[in-house]
């Protein structure tokens, strides 16, 4: 399977609903989840306790 994006190896959630991502190619970046918090499934992670349960799964990130 060919990935257009590098696989995520580490994710660190922050109190402002951003995520620090580290990719397997050594790059890193910030993902700002705030614009998505009012939509559908993302409403659940408005709650910081839920948000901080983020984890790496199958080369991407997920919440339960």
N, C-alpha and C. Protein backbone atom coordinates (compact mmCIF):
# COMPACT_ATOMS: atom_id res chain seq x y z
N UNK A 1 0.84 -1.19 0.00
CA UNK A 1 0.00 0.00 0.00
C UNK A 1 0.88 1.25 0.00
N UNK A 2 0.54 2.20 -0.84
CA UNK A 2 1.34 3.41 -0.94
C UNK A 2 0.68 4.53 -0.15
N UNK A 3 1.45 5.12 0.75
CA UNK A 3 0.95 6.25 1.54
C UNK A 3 1.38 7.56 0.89
N UNK A 4 0.43 8.45 0.69
CA UNK A 4 0.76 9.78 0.19
C UNK A 4 1.42 10.61 1.29
N UNK A 5 1.09 10.32 2.54
CA UNK A 5 1.63 11.05 3.66
C UNK A 5 2.49 10.11 4.49
N UNK A 6 3.53 10.64 5.15
CA UNK A 6 4.35 9.77 6.00
C UNK A 6 3.54 9.25 7.18
N UNK A 7 3.91 8.09 7.68
CA UNK A 7 3.21 7.48 8.80
C UNK A 7 3.47 8.25 10.08
N UNK A 8 2.44 8.39 10.88
CA UNK A 8 2.58 9.04 12.18
C UNK A 8 3.18 8.05 13.18
N UNK A 9 4.20 8.48 13.89
CA UNK A 9 4.85 7.63 14.87
C UNK A 9 4.56 8.08 16.30
N UNK A 10 4.27 9.35 16.49
CA UNK A 10 4.03 9.85 17.84
C UNK A 10 3.07 11.02 17.76
N UNK A 11 2.18 11.11 18.76
CA UNK A 11 1.26 12.23 18.83
C UNK A 11 1.20 12.72 20.26
N UNK A 12 1.26 14.05 20.44
CA UNK A 12 1.19 14.64 21.77
C UNK A 12 0.08 15.69 21.77
N UNK A 13 -0.98 15.47 22.56
CA UNK A 13 -2.08 16.44 22.62
C UNK A 13 -1.75 17.61 23.55
N UNK A 14 -2.26 18.78 23.21
CA UNK A 14 -2.04 19.99 24.01
C UNK A 14 -3.38 20.57 24.47
N UNK A 15 -3.32 21.41 25.50
CA UNK A 15 -4.54 21.95 26.12
C UNK A 15 -5.35 22.85 25.19
N UNK A 16 -4.74 23.32 24.11
CA UNK A 16 -5.46 24.21 23.19
C UNK A 16 -6.05 23.45 22.00
N UNK A 17 -6.21 22.14 22.15
CA UNK A 17 -6.76 21.29 21.08
C UNK A 17 -5.90 21.28 19.82
N UNK A 18 -4.59 21.41 20.02
CA UNK A 18 -3.66 21.13 18.92
C UNK A 18 -2.92 19.84 19.25
N UNK A 19 -2.38 19.22 18.22
CA UNK A 19 -1.61 17.99 18.36
C UNK A 19 -0.23 18.18 17.76
N UNK A 20 0.78 17.77 18.49
CA UNK A 20 2.12 17.69 17.91
C UNK A 20 2.29 16.29 17.33
N UNK A 21 2.64 16.23 16.05
CA UNK A 21 2.82 14.95 15.37
C UNK A 21 4.29 14.76 15.01
N UNK A 22 4.76 13.54 15.16
CA UNK A 22 6.09 13.16 14.68
C UNK A 22 5.90 12.04 13.68
N UNK A 23 6.47 12.21 12.50
CA UNK A 23 6.32 11.23 11.43
C UNK A 23 7.53 10.32 11.35
N UNK A 24 7.34 9.16 10.71
CA UNK A 24 8.43 8.18 10.67
C UNK A 24 9.62 8.68 9.85
N UNK A 25 9.40 9.66 8.99
CA UNK A 25 10.52 10.20 8.21
C UNK A 25 11.27 11.29 8.98
N UNK A 26 10.88 11.52 10.25
CA UNK A 26 11.60 12.48 11.07
C UNK A 26 10.99 13.87 11.08
N UNK A 27 10.05 14.12 10.17
CA UNK A 27 9.40 15.43 10.16
C UNK A 27 8.42 15.51 11.31
N UNK A 28 8.09 16.74 11.68
CA UNK A 28 7.05 16.92 12.69
C UNK A 28 6.20 18.11 12.32
N UNK A 29 5.05 18.21 12.95
CA UNK A 29 4.15 19.30 12.63
C UNK A 29 3.07 19.43 13.69
N UNK A 30 2.28 20.47 13.55
CA UNK A 30 1.17 20.75 14.47
C UNK A 30 -0.13 20.60 13.70
N UNK A 31 -1.06 19.86 14.29
CA UNK A 31 -2.40 19.73 13.72
C UNK A 31 -3.37 20.45 14.64
N UNK A 32 -4.01 21.49 14.13
CA UNK A 32 -4.97 22.28 14.91
C UNK A 32 -6.36 21.69 14.71
N UNK A 33 -6.92 21.09 15.76
CA UNK A 33 -8.23 20.45 15.66
C UNK A 33 -9.38 21.42 15.91
N UNK A 34 -9.09 22.65 16.33
CA UNK A 34 -10.14 23.57 16.74
C UNK A 34 -11.20 23.83 15.66
N UNK A 35 -10.81 23.99 14.38
CA UNK A 35 -11.85 24.24 13.38
C UNK A 35 -12.83 23.09 13.20
N UNK A 36 -12.47 21.90 13.68
CA UNK A 36 -13.30 20.72 13.45
C UNK A 36 -14.19 20.36 14.64
N UNK A 37 -14.02 21.05 15.77
CA UNK A 37 -14.65 20.61 17.01
C UNK A 37 -16.17 20.73 17.02
N UNK A 38 -16.73 21.49 16.08
CA UNK A 38 -18.18 21.66 16.05
C UNK A 38 -18.87 20.69 15.10
N UNK A 39 -18.10 19.79 14.50
CA UNK A 39 -18.65 18.92 13.46
C UNK A 39 -18.69 17.47 13.88
N UNK A 40 -19.88 16.90 13.85
CA UNK A 40 -20.06 15.46 13.96
C UNK A 40 -19.27 14.80 15.06
N UNK A 41 -18.50 13.80 14.66
CA UNK A 41 -17.79 12.97 15.63
C UNK A 41 -16.78 13.77 16.44
N UNK A 42 -16.34 14.91 15.91
CA UNK A 42 -15.30 15.68 16.59
C UNK A 42 -15.83 16.42 17.81
N UNK A 43 -17.15 16.55 17.92
CA UNK A 43 -17.71 17.26 19.08
C UNK A 43 -17.30 16.60 20.38
N UNK A 44 -17.12 15.27 20.34
CA UNK A 44 -16.74 14.55 21.55
C UNK A 44 -15.39 14.99 22.10
N UNK A 45 -14.47 15.36 21.21
CA UNK A 45 -13.13 15.70 21.68
C UNK A 45 -13.00 17.16 22.07
N UNK A 46 -14.13 17.90 22.10
CA UNK A 46 -14.10 19.22 22.74
C UNK A 46 -13.69 19.06 24.20
N UNK A 47 -14.11 17.94 24.79
CA UNK A 47 -13.75 17.62 26.17
C UNK A 47 -12.27 17.25 26.21
N UNK A 48 -11.49 18.01 26.99
CA UNK A 48 -10.03 17.81 26.97
C UNK A 48 -9.63 16.41 27.42
N UNK A 49 -10.37 15.83 28.36
CA UNK A 49 -10.03 14.47 28.79
C UNK A 49 -10.17 13.49 27.63
N UNK A 50 -11.23 13.66 26.85
CA UNK A 50 -11.40 12.83 25.65
C UNK A 50 -10.31 13.13 24.64
N UNK A 51 -10.06 14.42 24.42
CA UNK A 51 -9.07 14.84 23.43
C UNK A 51 -7.71 14.21 23.72
N UNK A 52 -7.36 14.16 25.00
CA UNK A 52 -6.02 13.68 25.37
C UNK A 52 -5.89 12.17 25.31
N UNK A 53 -6.98 11.48 24.97
CA UNK A 53 -6.90 10.03 24.78
C UNK A 53 -6.48 9.67 23.36
N UNK A 54 -6.09 10.66 22.59
CA UNK A 54 -5.63 10.41 21.22
C UNK A 54 -4.48 9.41 21.24
N UNK A 55 -4.40 8.60 20.20
CA UNK A 55 -3.31 7.64 20.11
C UNK A 55 -2.97 7.38 18.65
N UNK A 56 -1.79 6.82 18.46
CA UNK A 56 -1.36 6.42 17.12
C UNK A 56 -1.92 5.02 16.86
N UNK A 57 -2.56 4.86 15.70
CA UNK A 57 -3.10 3.56 15.33
C UNK A 57 -3.00 3.39 13.82
N UNK A 58 -2.35 2.34 13.40
CA UNK A 58 -2.25 2.04 11.95
C UNK A 58 -1.72 3.23 11.16
N UNK A 59 -0.66 3.83 11.67
CA UNK A 59 0.07 4.91 10.98
C UNK A 59 -0.70 6.23 10.94
N UNK A 60 -1.82 6.33 11.67
CA UNK A 60 -2.51 7.60 11.74
C UNK A 60 -2.95 7.80 13.19
N UNK A 61 -3.81 8.80 13.43
CA UNK A 61 -4.25 9.04 14.80
C UNK A 61 -5.73 8.72 14.93
N UNK A 62 -6.13 8.38 16.16
CA UNK A 62 -7.54 8.08 16.38
C UNK A 62 -7.91 8.34 17.82
N UNK A 63 -9.20 8.49 18.03
CA UNK A 63 -9.78 8.50 19.36
C UNK A 63 -10.75 7.33 19.43
N UNK A 64 -11.05 6.87 20.63
CA UNK A 64 -12.01 5.77 20.78
C UNK A 64 -13.40 6.16 20.32
